Amino acid sequence: MGKDRVQRRMQAHGIKARGKRKFVVTTDSKHSLPLAGNLLARDCLPSEPDRVWSSDITYIATDEGSLYLACVTDLFSRQVVGWGMQPHIQTSLVTDALRVAWFRRHPTPGLIFHSGRGSQYCSHSFQAALTSYGMLSSMSRKGNCWDNAPTESLWGSLKVGRLYGRKFATQREAKDEVIDWLTFYNHRRLHSTLGYVSPMRFEANWRAGQAKKAA
């Protein structure tokens, strides 16, 4: 079916496509805190789970005020392994997401934790948390969103697929919707980069393959 015919059908049935809202800046990179180098260098295809994690922050509007979401994604399976939501964008937001990810996965030392250059990720307390977990800090180049493309793709899937066009009266309502979507994303959303299986299925298949090789 051609795009013109699709457009006519949509108009006939009163269907409108969802579009992106105005971009809201969530990264404060104008600071004097130490920066980490880019250890990832756009290599988003680690060979096993819990070797490279990626993290970022996004914004969700509610009638009660701003709600911020920080996620930690395992780049092997694209599974969201940790997240935090707060009505502020302070360091504790990203630290909460990191702690959830660590308690769920307990990765071995040497994991690369990739993020942007925001003050939250550069803060002494967050960097100390990474060190205590045996993780290596990696940061995108200045003004280059492509260095953290998988997480940018995650935000696009969340907002276009679930949040755009929605109006949340409370932050609790928005949190419940996001958690519901993250559960769907991990367990059931099909990923083209994973051969059209969900993140959790992809990882389960990999672990089954490893067990078979070891048998």
C-alpha atoms as a PDB file:
ATOM      1  CA  MET A   1       0.000   0.000   0.000  1.00  0.00           C
ATOM      2  CA  GLY A   2       1.414   3.389  -1.010  1.00  0.00           C
ATOM      3  CA  LYS A   3       1.798   6.310   1.385  1.00  0.00           C
ATOM      4  CA  ASP A   4      -0.900   8.356  -0.399  1.00  0.00           C
ATOM      5  CA  ARG A   5      -3.442   5.595   0.069  1.00  0.00           C
ATOM      6  CA  VAL A   6      -2.452   5.250   3.725  1.00  0.00           C
ATOM      7  CA  GLN A   7      -2.926   8.991   4.162  1.00  0.00           C
ATOM      8  CA  ARG A   8      -6.405   8.856   2.595  1.00  0.00           C
ATOM      9  CA  ARG A   9      -7.404   5.927   4.803  1.00  0.00           C
ATOM     10  CA  MET A  10      -6.153   7.721   7.910  1.00  0.00           C
ATOM     11  CA  GLN A  11      -8.083  10.868   7.010  1.00  0.00           C
ATOM     12  CA  ALA A  12     -11.240   8.865   6.305  1.00  0.00           C
ATOM     13  CA  HIS A  13     -11.093   7.231   9.735  1.00  0.00           C
ATOM     14  CA  GLY A  14      -9.887  10.291  11.662  1.00  0.00           C
ATOM     15  CA  ILE A  15      -6.508   8.749  12.486  1.00  0.00           C
ATOM     16  CA  LYS A  16      -3.559  11.008  13.223  1.00  0.00           C
ATOM     17  CA  ALA A  17       0.080  10.023  13.617  1.00  0.00           C
ATOM     18  CA  ARG A  18       1.828  10.812  16.871  1.00  0.00           C
ATOM     19  CA  GLY A  19       4.561  13.421  16.604  1.00  0.00           C
ATOM     20  CA  LYS A  20       7.421  14.447  18.834  1.00  0.00           C
ATOM     21  CA  ARG A  21       7.005  17.185  21.395  1.00  0.00           C
ATOM     22  CA  LYS A  22       9.362  20.067  22.002  1.00  0.00           C
ATOM     23  CA  PHE A  23      12.803  18.879  23.083  1.00  0.00           C
ATOM     24  CA  VAL A  24      13.558  19.445  26.771  1.00  0.00           C
ATOM     25  CA  VAL A  25      17.205  19.661  27.807  1.00  0.00           C
ATOM     26  CA  THR A  26      18.065  17.251  30.621  1.00  0.00           C
ATOM     27  CA  THR A  27      21.864  17.403  30.363  1.00  0.00           C
ATOM     28  CA  ASP A  28      23.871  20.077  32.140  1.00  0.00           C
ATOM     29  CA  SER A  29      27.336  19.721  30.621  1.00  0.00           C
ATOM     30  CA  LYS A  30      28.482  23.236  31.540  1.00  0.00           C
ATOM     31  CA  HIS A  31      30.434  22.333  34.647  1.00  0.00           C
ATOM     32  CA  SER A  32      34.018  21.987  35.824  1.00  0.00           C
ATOM     33  CA  LEU A  33      33.769  18.383  37.009  1.00  0.00           C
ATOM     34  CA  PRO A  34      36.242  15.815  35.611  1.00  0.00           C
ATOM     35  CA  LEU A  35      35.199  14.014  32.420  1.00  0.00           C
ATOM     36  CA  ALA A  36      35.808  10.396  31.431  1.00  0.00           C
ATOM     37  CA  GLY A  37      37.001   9.341  28.000  1.00  0.00           C
ATOM     38  CA  ASN A  38      34.848   7.554  25.449  1.00  0.00           C
ATOM     39  CA  LEU A  39      35.671   3.867  26.013  1.00  0.00           C
ATOM     40  CA  LEU A  40      32.694   2.779  23.930  1.00  0.00           C
ATOM     41  CA  ALA A  41      33.646   4.546  20.688  1.00  0.00           C
ATOM     42  CA  ARG A  42      30.226   3.646  19.210  1.00  0.00           C
ATOM     43  CA  ASP A  43      30.881  -0.076  19.628  1.00  0.00           C
ATOM     44  CA  CYS A  44      27.359  -0.965  20.761  1.00  0.00           C
ATOM     45  CA  LEU A  45      27.645  -4.727  20.222  1.00  0.00           C
ATOM     46  CA  PRO A  46      29.299  -6.388  23.238  1.00  0.00           C
ATOM     47  CA  SER A  47      29.671 -10.157  22.949  1.00  0.00           C
ATOM     48  CA  GLU A  48      27.979 -11.016  26.259  1.00  0.00           C
ATOM     49  CA  PRO A  49      25.648  -9.534  28.907  1.00  0.00           C
ATOM     50  CA  ASP A  50      26.810  -7.108  31.587  1.00  0.00           C
ATOM     51  CA  ARG A  51      29.943  -5.945  29.803  1.00  0.00           C
ATOM     52  CA  VAL A  52      28.654  -2.542  28.611  1.00  0.00           C
ATOM     53  CA  TRP A  53      25.788  -0.551  30.121  1.00  0.00           C
ATOM     54  CA  SER A  54      24.453   2.736  28.785  1.00  0.00           C
ATOM     55  CA  SER A  55      22.502   5.384  30.701  1.00  0.00           C
ATOM     56  CA  ASP A  56      20.656   8.626  30.055  1.00  0.00           C
ATOM     57  CA  ILE A  57      17.909  10.892  31.437  1.00  0.00           C
ATOM     58  CA  THR A  58      14.633  11.978  29.867  1.00  0.00           C
ATOM     59  CA  TYR A  59      11.704  14.191  30.835  1.00  0.00           C
ATOM     60  CA  ILE A  60       7.984  13.415  31.312  1.00  0.00           C
ATOM     61  CA  ALA A  61       5.395  16.162  31.747  1.00  0.00           C
ATOM     62  CA  THR A  62       2.629  15.870  34.370  1.00  0.00           C
ATOM     63  CA  ASP A  63       0.112  18.295  35.848  1.00  0.00           C
ATOM     64  CA  GLU A  64       1.991  18.006  39.148  1.00  0.00           C
ATOM     65  CA  GLY A  65       5.242  19.141  37.546  1.00  0.00           C
ATOM     66  CA  SER A  66       8.257  17.630  35.856  1.00  0.00           C
ATOM     67  CA  LEU A  67       9.124  13.959  36.269  1.00  0.00           C
ATOM     68  CA  TYR A  68      12.560  12.713  35.253  1.00  0.00           C
ATOM     69  CA  LEU A  69      13.440   9.150  34.242  1.00  0.00           C
ATOM     70  CA  ALA A  70      16.939   7.666  34.236  1.00  0.00           C
ATOM     71  CA  CYS A  71      17.487   4.231  32.700  1.00  0.00           C
ATOM     72  CA  VAL A  72      20.414   1.828  32.529  1.00  0.00           C
ATOM     73  CA  THR A  73      20.455  -0.417  29.447  1.00  0.00           C
ATOM     74  CA  ASP A  74      22.565  -3.509  28.815  1.00  0.00           C
ATOM     75  CA  LEU A  75      23.849  -3.007  25.284  1.00  0.00           C
ATOM     76  CA  PHE A  76      24.170  -6.748  24.649  1.00  0.00           C
ATOM     77  CA  SER A  77      20.425  -7.462  24.813  1.00  0.00           C
ATOM     78  CA  ARG A  78      19.063  -3.879  24.956  1.00  0.00           C
ATOM     79  CA  GLN A  79      17.381  -4.895  28.211  1.00  0.00           C
ATOM     80  CA  VAL A  80      16.642  -2.069  30.668  1.00  0.00           C
ATOM     81  CA  VAL A  81      18.356  -3.395  33.793  1.00  0.00           C
ATOM     82  CA  GLY A  82      17.789  -0.418  36.089  1.00  0.00           C
ATOM     83  CA  TRP A  83      15.795   2.788  36.323  1.00  0.00           C
ATOM     84  CA  GLY A  84      14.936   5.644  38.649  1.00  0.00           C
ATOM     85  CA  MET A  85      12.206   8.305  38.571  1.00  0.00           C
ATOM     86  CA  GLN A  86      12.238  11.526  40.574  1.00  0.00           C
ATOM     87  CA  PRO A  87      10.646  15.005  40.376  1.00  0.00           C
ATOM     88  CA  HIS A  88      14.192  16.426  40.190  1.00  0.00           C
ATOM     89  CA  ILE A  89      17.288  15.930  38.070  1.00  0.00           C
ATOM     90  CA  GLN A  90      19.859  15.664  40.844  1.00  0.00           C
ATOM     91  CA  THR A  91      22.613  13.074  41.126  1.00  0.00           C
ATOM     92  CA  SER A  92      20.475  10.729  43.243  1.00  0.00           C
ATOM     93  CA  LEU A  93      18.271  10.143  40.178  1.00  0.00           C
ATOM     94  CA  VAL A  94      21.040   8.415  38.216  1.00  0.00           C
ATOM     95  CA  THR A  95      22.540   6.826  41.336  1.00  0.00           C
ATOM     96  CA  ASP A  96      19.190   5.150  42.076  1.00  0.00           C
ATOM     97  CA  ALA A  97      19.095   3.720  38.547  1.00  0.00           C
ATOM     98  CA  LEU A  98      22.669   2.441  38.898  1.00  0.00           C
ATOM     99  CA  ARG A  99      21.966   0.780  42.246  1.00  0.00           C
ATOM    100  CA  VAL A 100      18.853  -0.959  40.930  1.00  0.00           C
ATOM    101  CA  ALA A 101      20.856  -2.265  37.963  1.00  0.00           C
ATOM    102  CA  TRP A 102      23.693  -3.492  40.171  1.00  0.00           C
ATOM    103  CA  PHE A 103      21.402  -5.277  42.649  1.00  0.00           C
ATOM    104  CA  ARG A 104      19.510  -6.959  39.815  1.00  0.00           C
ATOM    105  CA  ARG A 105      22.572  -8.086  37.863  1.00  0.00           C
ATOM    106  CA  HIS A 106      25.703  -8.114  40.091  1.00  0.00           C
ATOM    107  CA  PRO A 107      28.091  -7.784  37.125  1.00  0.00           C
ATOM    108  CA  THR A 108      31.730  -8.754  37.439  1.00  0.00           C
ATOM    109  CA  PRO A 109      34.284  -5.903  37.740  1.00  0.00           C
ATOM    110  CA  GLY A 110      35.373  -4.212  34.539  1.00  0.00           C
ATOM    111  CA  LEU A 111      31.947  -3.360  33.150  1.00  0.00           C
ATOM    112  CA  ILE A 112      31.926  -0.182  31.015  1.00  0.00           C
ATOM    113  CA  PHE A 113      29.251   2.289  32.118  1.00  0.00           C
ATOM    114  CA  HIS A 114      28.606   4.739  29.274  1.00  0.00           C
ATOM    115  CA  SER A 115      26.733   8.030  29.688  1.00  0.00           C
ATOM    116  CA  GLY A 116      26.619  11.626  28.586  1.00  0.00           C
ATOM    117  CA  ARG A 117      28.668  14.421  30.131  1.00  0.00           C
ATOM    118  CA  GLY A 118      25.938  15.704  32.435  1.00  0.00           C
ATOM    119  CA  SER A 119      26.893  16.917  35.890  1.00  0.00           C
ATOM    120  CA  GLN A 120      24.907  14.060  37.448  1.00  0.00           C
ATOM    121  CA  TYR A 121      27.167  11.427  35.854  1.00  0.00           C
ATOM    122  CA  CYS A 122      30.344  13.452  36.424  1.00  0.00           C
ATOM    123  CA  SER A 123      29.593  14.125  40.085  1.00  0.00           C
ATOM    124  CA  HIS A 124      32.025  12.821  42.685  1.00  0.00           C
ATOM    125  CA  SER A 125      29.328  10.745  44.414  1.00  0.00           C
ATOM    126  CA  PHE A 126      28.236   8.989  41.211  1.00  0.00           C
ATOM    127  CA  GLN A 127      31.803   8.318  40.117  1.00  0.00           C
ATOM    128  CA  ALA A 128      32.519   6.928  43.593  1.00  0.00           C
ATOM    129  CA  ALA A 129      29.537   4.590  43.214  1.00  0.00           C
ATOM    130  CA  LEU A 130      30.895   3.330  39.878  1.00  0.00           C
ATOM    131  CA  THR A 131      34.287   2.724  41.452  1.00  0.00           C
ATOM    132  CA  SER A 132      32.764   0.834  44.395  1.00  0.00           C
ATOM    133  CA  TYR A 133      31.013  -1.499  41.919  1.00  0.00           C
ATOM    134  CA  GLY A 134      34.210  -2.016  39.927  1.00  0.00           C
ATOM    135  CA  MET A 135      32.837  -0.240  36.842  1.00  0.00           C
ATOM    136  CA  LEU A 136      34.692   1.899  34.303  1.00  0.00           C
ATOM    137  CA  SER A 137      33.197   5.287  33.426  1.00  0.00           C
ATOM    138  CA  SER A 138      32.826   6.175  29.731  1.00  0.00           C
ATOM    139  CA  MET A 139      31.291   9.359  28.341  1.00  0.00           C
ATOM    140  CA  SER A 140      30.058  10.530  24.956  1.00  0.00           C
ATOM    141  CA  ARG A 141      31.869  13.220  23.051  1.00  0.00           C
ATOM    142  CA  LYS A 142      30.626  16.750  23.519  1.00  0.00           C
ATOM    143  CA  GLY A 143      27.328  17.420  21.714  1.00  0.00           C
ATOM    144  CA  ASN A 144      27.320  14.011  20.000  1.00  0.00           C
ATOM    145  CA  CYS A 145      24.116  12.064  20.712  1.00  0.00           C
ATOM    146  CA  TRP A 146      25.188   9.259  18.336  1.00  0.00           C
ATOM    147  CA  ASP A 147      27.692   8.048  20.922  1.00  0.00           C
ATOM    148  CA  ASN A 148      24.705   6.997  23.059  1.00  0.00           C
ATOM    149  CA  ALA A 149      22.384   6.005  20.204  1.00  0.00           C
ATOM    150  CA  PRO A 150      20.818   2.893  21.831  1.00  0.00           C
ATOM    151  CA  THR A 151      19.485   4.896  24.770  1.00  0.00           C
ATOM    152  CA  GLU A 152      18.233   7.644  22.443  1.00  0.00           C
ATOM    153  CA  SER A 153      16.378   4.893  20.556  1.00  0.00           C
ATOM    154  CA  LEU A 154      14.885   3.686  23.846  1.00  0.00           C
ATOM    155  CA  TRP A 155      13.484   7.157  24.566  1.00  0.00           C
ATOM    156  CA  GLY A 156      11.991   7.331  21.089  1.00  0.00           C
ATOM    157  CA  SER A 157      10.250   3.975  21.535  1.00  0.00           C
ATOM    158  CA  LEU A 158       8.882   4.961  24.940  1.00  0.00           C
ATOM    159  CA  LYS A 159       7.612   8.388  23.985  1.00  0.00           C
ATOM    160  CA  VAL A 160       6.225   7.706  20.517  1.00  0.00           C
ATOM    161  CA  GLY A 161       4.878   4.278  21.443  1.00  0.00           C
ATOM    162  CA  ARG A 162       3.305   5.123  24.794  1.00  0.00           C
ATOM    163  CA  LEU A 163       3.622   8.677  26.127  1.00  0.00           C
ATOM    164  CA  TYR A 164       2.973  11.157  23.290  1.00  0.00           C
ATOM    165  CA  GLY A 165      -0.599  12.367  23.311  1.00  0.00           C
ATOM    166  CA  ARG A 166      -1.081  11.272  26.934  1.00  0.00           C
ATOM    167  CA  LYS A 167      -1.888  13.717  29.719  1.00  0.00           C
ATOM    168  CA  PHE A 168      -0.913  12.699  33.250  1.00  0.00           C
ATOM    169  CA  ALA A 169      -2.725  14.314  36.168  1.00  0.00           C
ATOM    170  CA  THR A 170      -0.222  13.023  38.737  1.00  0.00           C
ATOM    171  CA  GLN A 171       3.377  11.882  38.807  1.00  0.00           C
ATOM    172  CA  ARG A 172       2.212   8.557  40.277  1.00  0.00           C
ATOM    173  CA  GLU A 173       0.102   7.980  37.170  1.00  0.00           C
ATOM    174  CA  ALA A 174       3.064   8.705  34.923  1.00  0.00           C
ATOM    175  CA  LYS A 175       5.347   6.416  36.944  1.00  0.00           C
ATOM    176  CA  ASP A 176       2.880   3.530  36.702  1.00  0.00           C
ATOM    177  CA  GLU A 177       2.622   3.992  32.931  1.00  0.00           C
ATOM    178  CA  VAL A 178       6.404   4.052  32.485  1.00  0.00           C
ATOM    179  CA  ILE A 179       6.950   0.955  34.653  1.00  0.00           C
ATOM    180  CA  ASP A 180       4.240  -0.885  32.715  1.00  0.00           C
ATOM    181  CA  TRP A 181       5.928   0.034  29.429  1.00  0.00           C
ATOM    182  CA  LEU A 182       9.395  -0.953  30.651  1.00  0.00           C
ATOM    183  CA  THR A 183       8.025  -4.371  31.622  1.00  0.00           C
ATOM    184  CA  PHE A 184       6.483  -4.717  28.166  1.00  0.00           C
ATOM    185  CA  TYR A 185       9.712  -3.541  26.536  1.00  0.00           C
ATOM    186  CA  ASN A 186      11.912  -6.050  28.349  1.00  0.00           C
ATOM    187  CA  HIS A 187       9.610  -9.056  28.075  1.00  0.00           C
ATOM    188  CA  ARG A 188       7.603  -8.657  24.874  1.00  0.00           C
ATOM    189  CA  ARG A 189       8.738  -5.859  22.550  1.00  0.00           C
ATOM    190  CA  LEU A 190      10.389  -7.286  19.437  1.00  0.00           C
ATOM    191  CA  HIS A 191      13.747  -5.768  18.470  1.00  0.00           C
ATOM    192  CA  SER A 192      14.964  -5.693  14.873  1.00  0.00           C
ATOM    193  CA  THR A 193      18.605  -5.562  16.058  1.00  0.00           C
ATOM    194  CA  LEU A 194      17.988  -8.760  18.073  1.00  0.00           C
ATOM    195  CA  GLY A 195      16.458 -10.763  15.248  1.00  0.00           C
ATOM    196  CA  TYR A 196      12.914  -9.765  16.196  1.00  0.00           C
ATOM    197  CA  VAL A 197      12.805 -11.199  19.697  1.00  0.00           C
ATOM    198  CA  SER A 198      12.437  -9.370  23.010  1.00  0.00           C
ATOM    199  CA  PRO A 199      15.497  -8.345  25.065  1.00  0.00           C
ATOM    200  CA  MET A 200      14.847 -10.970  27.729  1.00  0.00           C
ATOM    201  CA  ARG A 201      14.230 -13.706  25.153  1.00  0.00           C
ATOM    202  CA  PHE A 202      17.443 -12.770  23.342  1.00  0.00           C
ATOM    203  CA  GLU A 203      19.448 -13.064  26.538  1.00  0.00           C
ATOM    204  CA  ALA A 204      17.722 -16.334  27.519  1.00  0.00           C
ATOM    205  CA  ASN A 205      18.530 -17.794  24.098  1.00  0.00           C
ATOM    206  CA  TRP A 206      22.176 -16.731  24.472  1.00  0.00           C
ATOM    207  CA  ARG A 207      22.474 -18.316  27.933  1.00  0.00           C
ATOM    208  CA  ALA A 208      20.882 -21.531  26.660  1.00  0.00           C
ATOM    209  CA  GLY A 209      23.419 -21.586  23.835  1.00  0.00           C
ATOM    210  CA  GLN A 210      26.297 -21.076  26.268  1.00  0.00           C
ATOM    211  CA  ALA A 211      25.031 -23.909  28.474  1.00  0.00           C
ATOM    212  CA  LYS A 212      24.775 -26.189  25.437  1.00  0.00           C
ATOM    213  CA  LYS A 213      28.350 -25.388  24.412  1.00  0.00           C
ATOM    214  CA  ALA A 214      29.588 -26.154  27.934  1.00  0.00           C
ATOM    215  CA  ALA A 215      27.728 -29.492  28.124  1.00  0.00           C
END
